[in-house]
Amino acid sequence: PCVTEEVAREALLSFVSSCCYGRSAASDLVIQQMKQQMLCRYRLETFSESRISEWTFQPFTNHAVDGPRRGTSPQLWDIKVQVPPMFQEETRKFQVPHSSLVKECHKCHGRGRYKCSGCHGACMVRCPSCSGAKRRAKQPGRCQLCSGSGRHRCSTCSGRGNKTCATCKGEKKLLHFVQLVIVWKNSLFEFVSEHRLNCPGQLLAKAKGENLFKGAIPLGVPLADFPLREISLASQRGIAQHSAATLASRARVLQQRQTIELVPLTEVHYWYQGKTNVYYIYGTDHRVYVADYPERYCCSCTII
């Protein structure tokens, strides 16, 4: 639908009321001309799955070990998992069956504890108040914090001289296993058809539009015979880019979806106090972009 002068003025009034702009200019300006254009925005979504394996470990708590004795570990893509809803990104980690083995903790060498780095096992450290002098400078009497001993209980280990191993949590052993990491990714390709007006392109990429088409497509098949040739070409570029990316990452494409939206754009030429200027109305929700509004009171105000 065409934007009328009344709609154009109401959109500008709504914009200036949410900002530190004066309303009188929006109310009194004279609209001289409106140039309108309907743009097409194309979006390609490619939902893919990638899998990698990595060795990891956790404290061993004397539970059953699923090691090679129970069978051969399956190949990564042979492990069946529940796929999340299409086009919803997610990362999950799984323990690969029959890949576990138990080893002595490499951090504490199987002791479950290690010498405190603060006191080096002495349980006491130099008093932080008097620096070991037993009395504070320029103050009579002995240091109250260490009672004149010059030593104070180590705060790092609470005076025990050692700490529980953070790697094995005191269990002395670690369970090593192969971990499967699955990443479901939704790659996005967007294109907005060419327009002859001077509205910034980044606004049109985010503008609300009216859906013409949205649906899943056969994998790797671009849009064909769309009335606007540049949309068909954009579809071919998007398919090619996503195919190259998934091939490079050794991912598997699960589904692809294309969306085409109509985005209205109007360039409004107006006259106010002897000067002519323009503002833009874009999107189905009639957002406004104005670069040089005549009644702007705050230089830090966002104009988008």
Protein backbone atom coordinates (compact mmCIF):
# COMPACT_ATOMS: atom_id res chain seq x y z
CA PRO A 1 0.00 0.00 0.00
CA CYS A 2 1.15 3.54 -0.77
CA VAL A 3 2.11 5.80 2.13
CA THR A 4 -0.19 8.84 2.22
CA GLU A 5 0.81 12.32 3.40
CA GLU A 6 -1.19 11.76 6.57
CA VAL A 7 0.65 8.50 7.33
CA ALA A 8 4.01 10.14 6.52
CA ARG A 9 3.36 13.00 8.96
CA GLU A 10 2.07 10.70 11.70
CA ALA A 11 5.18 8.53 11.37
CA LEU A 12 7.43 11.58 11.78
CA LEU A 13 5.41 12.89 14.75
CA SER A 14 5.66 9.48 16.42
CA PHE A 15 9.42 9.48 15.84
CA VAL A 16 10.09 12.97 17.27
CA SER A 17 7.86 12.31 20.31
CA SER A 18 10.21 9.47 21.36
CA CYS A 19 13.27 11.68 21.10
CA CYS A 20 14.50 15.14 22.06
CA TYR A 21 13.21 16.72 18.85
CA GLY A 22 10.68 19.53 18.59
CA ARG A 23 7.16 18.69 17.36
CA SER A 24 6.41 21.99 15.68
CA ALA A 25 8.56 21.26 12.64
CA ALA A 26 6.91 17.86 12.14
CA SER A 27 3.48 19.47 12.46
CA ASP A 28 4.11 22.52 10.21
CA LEU A 29 6.42 21.24 7.48
CA VAL A 30 5.01 21.09 3.98
CA ILE A 31 5.33 17.75 2.22
CA GLN A 32 6.27 18.45 -1.40
CA GLN A 33 6.95 15.02 -2.87
CA MET A 34 7.09 11.35 -1.88
CA LYS A 35 9.12 8.73 -3.75
CA GLN A 36 8.11 5.19 -2.92
CA GLN A 37 9.82 1.92 -3.67
CA MET A 38 9.13 -1.70 -2.68
CA LEU A 39 12.28 -3.69 -1.91
CA CYS A 40 12.76 -7.44 -1.72
CA ARG A 41 14.80 -8.94 1.09
CA TYR A 42 16.08 -12.47 0.61
CA ARG A 43 17.28 -14.67 3.46
CA LEU A 44 18.86 -18.13 3.30
CA GLU A 45 19.25 -20.22 6.45
CA THR A 46 21.40 -23.35 6.41
CA PHE A 47 21.10 -25.62 9.45
CA SER A 48 24.16 -27.86 9.75
CA GLU A 49 25.72 -30.31 12.18
CA SER A 50 29.45 -30.72 12.83
CA ARG A 51 31.19 -33.29 15.03
CA ILE A 52 34.65 -33.39 16.55
CA SER A 53 36.27 -35.63 19.18
CA GLU A 54 38.67 -34.67 21.95
CA TRP A 55 40.30 -36.34 24.93
CA THR A 56 39.17 -35.06 28.31
CA PHE A 57 39.09 -36.27 31.91
CA GLN A 58 37.22 -36.05 35.18
CA PRO A 59 37.84 -37.26 38.76
CA PHE A 60 37.49 -41.03 39.03
CA THR A 61 35.07 -42.00 41.80
CA ASN A 62 35.40 -45.80 41.61
CA HIS A 63 32.41 -46.18 39.31
CA ALA A 64 32.16 -48.68 36.45
CA VAL A 65 34.57 -47.99 33.59
CA ASP A 66 33.27 -48.27 30.03
CA GLY A 67 36.60 -49.17 28.42
CA PRO A 68 37.81 -51.03 25.31
CA ARG A 69 37.10 -54.38 27.00
CA ARG A 70 33.40 -53.73 26.45
CA GLY A 71 33.78 -53.27 22.71
CA THR A 72 35.13 -51.04 19.98
CA SER A 73 34.25 -47.34 20.08
CA PRO A 74 31.82 -46.34 17.29
CA GLN A 75 32.70 -43.82 14.59
CA LEU A 76 31.63 -40.25 15.38
CA TRP A 77 28.83 -40.10 12.82
CA ASP A 78 27.54 -43.53 13.88
CA ILE A 79 26.58 -42.22 17.34
CA LYS A 80 22.86 -41.47 17.36
CA VAL A 81 21.71 -38.35 19.22
CA GLN A 82 18.52 -36.33 19.43
CA VAL A 83 18.69 -33.40 16.99
CA PRO A 84 17.37 -30.07 18.38
CA PRO A 85 14.53 -28.23 16.59
CA MET A 86 15.52 -27.16 13.09
CA PHE A 87 17.34 -23.82 12.79
CA GLN A 88 17.93 -23.66 16.54
CA GLU A 89 21.63 -23.47 17.41
CA GLU A 90 22.98 -25.69 20.18
CA THR A 91 26.16 -27.39 21.38
CA ARG A 92 26.22 -30.72 23.23
CA LYS A 93 28.94 -33.01 24.55
CA PHE A 94 28.77 -36.79 24.89
CA GLN A 95 31.11 -39.48 26.22
CA VAL A 96 32.05 -41.85 23.41
CA PRO A 97 31.20 -45.46 24.40
CA HIS A 98 34.08 -47.85 25.22
CA SER A 99 36.74 -45.08 25.23
CA SER A 100 37.38 -44.74 28.98
CA LEU A 101 40.53 -45.55 30.93
CA VAL A 102 41.75 -44.74 34.45
CA LYS A 103 45.09 -43.03 35.18
CA GLU A 104 46.88 -41.57 38.18
CA CYS A 105 46.28 -37.84 38.54
CA HIS A 106 49.07 -36.00 36.73
CA LYS A 107 48.72 -32.90 38.89
CA CYS A 108 49.21 -34.39 42.37
CA HIS A 109 50.88 -37.65 41.21
CA GLY A 110 48.17 -39.74 42.87
CA ARG A 111 48.41 -38.14 46.32
CA GLY A 112 45.09 -36.28 46.20
CA ARG A 113 46.73 -33.22 47.75
CA TYR A 114 49.67 -30.95 46.95
CA LYS A 115 51.89 -28.59 48.89
CA CYS A 116 50.44 -25.14 49.41
CA SER A 117 52.00 -22.55 47.10
CA GLY A 118 51.49 -19.80 49.67
CA CYS A 119 53.44 -21.26 52.60
CA HIS A 120 55.25 -24.11 50.79
CA GLY A 121 53.91 -26.57 53.36
CA ALA A 122 55.06 -24.59 56.44
CA CYS A 123 51.49 -23.71 57.45
CA MET A 124 52.70 -20.23 58.53
CA VAL A 125 53.77 -17.16 56.55
CA ARG A 126 55.36 -13.82 57.38
CA CYS A 127 52.85 -11.60 59.15
CA PRO A 128 51.26 -9.26 56.56
CA SER A 129 50.74 -6.57 59.21
CA CYS A 130 54.29 -6.19 60.56
CA SER A 131 56.14 -7.96 57.72
CA GLY A 132 57.75 -10.30 60.25
CA ALA A 133 59.22 -7.50 62.42
CA LYS A 134 56.93 -8.50 65.34
CA ARG A 135 55.87 -4.90 65.83
CA ARG A 136 54.43 -2.30 63.45
CA ALA A 137 56.50 0.72 62.48
CA LYS A 138 55.95 3.84 64.56
CA GLN A 139 53.62 2.00 66.92
CA PRO A 140 54.51 0.89 70.46
CA GLY A 141 54.08 -2.69 71.63
CA ARG A 142 53.96 -5.93 69.71
CA CYS A 143 51.95 -6.55 66.54
CA GLN A 144 48.41 -7.50 67.45
CA LEU A 145 47.76 -9.59 64.36
CA CYS A 146 50.58 -12.09 65.02
CA SER A 147 50.85 -11.46 68.80
CA GLY A 148 54.49 -10.48 68.32
CA SER A 149 55.57 -13.73 66.70
CA GLY A 150 56.14 -12.26 63.25
CA ARG A 151 54.34 -15.25 61.74
CA HIS A 152 50.72 -15.71 60.74
CA ARG A 153 48.59 -18.66 59.66
CA CYS A 154 48.61 -19.09 55.88
CA SER A 155 45.33 -17.90 54.41
CA THR A 156 45.79 -19.89 51.19
CA CYS A 157 45.56 -23.30 52.88
CA SER A 158 44.05 -22.16 56.22
CA GLY A 159 47.20 -23.33 58.00
CA ARG A 160 47.09 -26.94 56.79
CA GLY A 161 50.21 -26.73 54.67
CA ASN A 162 48.56 -28.45 51.71
CA LYS A 163 45.46 -28.20 49.54
CA THR A 164 43.09 -30.67 47.96
CA CYS A 165 44.06 -31.27 44.35
CA ALA A 166 41.73 -29.22 42.17
CA THR A 167 42.24 -31.56 39.21
CA CYS A 168 41.15 -34.86 40.77
CA LYS A 169 39.19 -33.29 43.66
CA GLY A 170 41.19 -35.46 46.07
CA GLU A 171 40.24 -38.74 44.34
CA LYS A 172 43.89 -39.42 43.32
CA LYS A 173 42.84 -40.88 39.94
CA LEU A 174 41.34 -39.50 36.74
CA LEU A 175 38.95 -41.07 34.25
CA HIS A 176 40.14 -40.22 30.74
CA PHE A 177 37.72 -40.64 27.82
CA VAL A 178 36.98 -39.44 24.30
CA GLN A 179 34.37 -36.71 24.24
CA LEU A 180 32.13 -36.10 21.25
CA VAL A 181 31.32 -32.41 20.68
CA ILE A 182 28.36 -31.72 18.39
CA VAL A 183 27.62 -28.20 17.17
CA TRP A 184 24.34 -27.40 15.44
CA LYS A 185 24.74 -24.11 13.61
CA ASN A 186 22.32 -21.93 11.67
CA SER A 187 24.21 -19.97 9.01
CA LEU A 188 22.52 -16.88 7.60
CA PHE A 189 22.82 -15.18 4.21
CA GLU A 190 20.85 -11.99 3.55
CA PHE A 191 20.41 -9.74 0.54
CA VAL A 192 18.29 -6.61 -0.04
CA SER A 193 17.42 -5.67 -3.60
CA GLU A 194 18.95 -2.51 -5.01
CA HIS A 195 17.18 0.78 -4.33
CA ARG A 196 17.59 4.23 -5.83
CA LEU A 197 17.05 6.15 -2.59
CA ASN A 198 19.65 7.28 -0.03
CA CYS A 199 18.36 5.43 3.02
CA PRO A 200 21.21 3.53 4.80
CA GLY A 201 21.30 -0.12 3.80
CA GLN A 202 21.86 -1.41 7.35
CA LEU A 203 18.41 -0.09 8.32
CA LEU A 204 16.71 -1.91 5.48
CA ALA A 205 18.43 -5.18 6.42
CA LYS A 206 16.72 -5.06 9.84
CA ALA A 207 13.41 -3.49 8.79
CA LYS A 208 10.14 -5.33 9.24
CA GLY A 209 8.71 -6.69 6.02
CA GLU A 210 5.78 -8.64 4.65
CA ASN A 211 6.40 -12.32 3.97
CA LEU A 212 6.04 -13.44 0.37
CA PHE A 213 7.54 -16.89 0.86
CA LYS A 214 9.08 -18.91 3.67
CA GLY A 215 9.79 -22.58 3.56
CA ALA A 216 12.25 -25.45 3.42
CA ILE A 217 13.92 -26.25 0.12
CA PRO A 218 15.77 -29.26 -1.32
CA LEU A 219 19.40 -29.13 -0.19
CA GLY A 220 21.63 -27.10 -2.47
CA VAL A 221 18.84 -26.00 -4.83
CA PRO A 222 18.72 -22.22 -5.40
CA LEU A 223 15.62 -20.18 -6.10
CA ALA A 224 14.75 -20.11 -9.80
CA ASP A 225 12.57 -17.91 -12.03
CA PHE A 226 11.80 -15.28 -9.40
CA PRO A 227 10.43 -12.14 -11.14
CA LEU A 228 13.30 -10.06 -9.73
CA ARG A 229 16.48 -11.50 -11.26
CA GLU A 230 18.81 -10.12 -8.57
CA ILE A 231 16.95 -12.19 -5.95
CA SER A 232 17.50 -15.36 -7.98
CA LEU A 233 21.20 -14.50 -8.33
CA ALA A 234 21.44 -13.78 -4.60
CA SER A 235 19.94 -17.22 -3.92
CA GLN A 236 22.62 -18.83 -6.08
CA ARG A 237 25.39 -16.92 -4.25
CA GLY A 238 24.00 -17.83 -0.85
CA ILE A 239 23.74 -21.54 -1.71
CA ALA A 240 27.30 -21.51 -3.07
CA GLN A 241 28.72 -19.72 -0.02
CA HIS A 242 27.03 -22.03 2.48
CA SER A 243 28.02 -25.13 0.49
CA ALA A 244 31.67 -24.06 0.51
CA ALA A 245 31.58 -23.26 4.24
CA THR A 246 30.03 -26.58 5.27
CA LEU A 247 32.42 -28.48 3.01
CA ALA A 248 35.42 -26.72 4.57
CA SER A 249 34.22 -27.46 8.10
CA ARG A 250 33.22 -31.06 7.23
CA ALA A 251 29.74 -30.35 8.51
CA ARG A 252 26.55 -31.96 7.32
CA VAL A 253 23.64 -29.83 6.11
CA LEU A 254 20.39 -31.00 7.72
CA GLN A 255 17.97 -28.50 6.22
CA GLN A 256 17.81 -25.20 4.32
CA ARG A 257 15.14 -22.53 4.40
CA GLN A 258 14.54 -19.50 2.18
CA THR A 259 12.54 -16.38 3.04
CA ILE A 260 11.49 -13.53 0.76
CA GLU A 261 9.98 -10.37 2.24
CA LEU A 262 8.67 -7.12 0.80
CA VAL A 263 10.07 -4.04 2.56
CA PRO A 264 8.42 -0.68 1.74
CA LEU A 265 10.60 2.44 1.55
CA THR A 266 9.41 6.03 1.13
CA GLU A 267 11.54 9.14 0.62
CA VAL A 268 9.66 12.21 1.81
CA HIS A 269 10.72 15.64 0.46
CA TYR A 270 9.51 18.54 2.62
CA TRP A 271 9.79 22.31 2.95
CA TYR A 272 10.17 24.11 6.30
CA GLN A 273 11.17 27.71 7.04
CA GLY A 274 12.60 28.33 3.59
CA LYS A 275 14.64 25.10 3.39
CA THR A 276 13.99 21.75 1.72
CA ASN A 277 15.09 18.41 3.11
CA VAL A 278 14.14 14.73 3.22
CA TYR A 279 13.35 11.96 5.65
CA TYR A 280 12.68 8.27 5.11
CA ILE A 281 9.93 5.90 6.18
CA TYR A 282 10.87 2.22 6.00
CA GLY A 283 9.38 -1.12 6.98
CA THR A 284 5.80 -2.21 7.51
CA ASP A 285 5.89 -0.61 10.97
CA HIS A 286 6.75 2.82 9.48
CA ARG A 287 10.12 3.44 11.12
CA VAL A 288 11.69 6.85 10.39
CA TYR A 289 15.22 7.88 9.51
CA VAL A 290 16.07 11.57 9.39
CA ALA A 291 19.62 12.87 9.07
CA ASP A 292 19.04 16.63 9.49
CA TYR A 293 15.90 17.43 11.45
CA PRO A 294 15.40 21.22 11.88
CA GLU A 295 14.48 21.10 15.60
CA ARG A 296 17.09 18.90 17.23
CA TYR A 297 17.89 19.83 20.84
CA CYS A 298 20.40 17.14 21.83
CA CYS A 299 23.44 16.25 19.78
CA SER A 300 23.72 12.80 21.43
CA CYS A 301 20.28 11.63 20.40
CA THR A 302 20.09 8.55 18.18
CA ILE A 303 18.49 9.26 14.84
CA ILE A 304 17.69 5.68 13.90
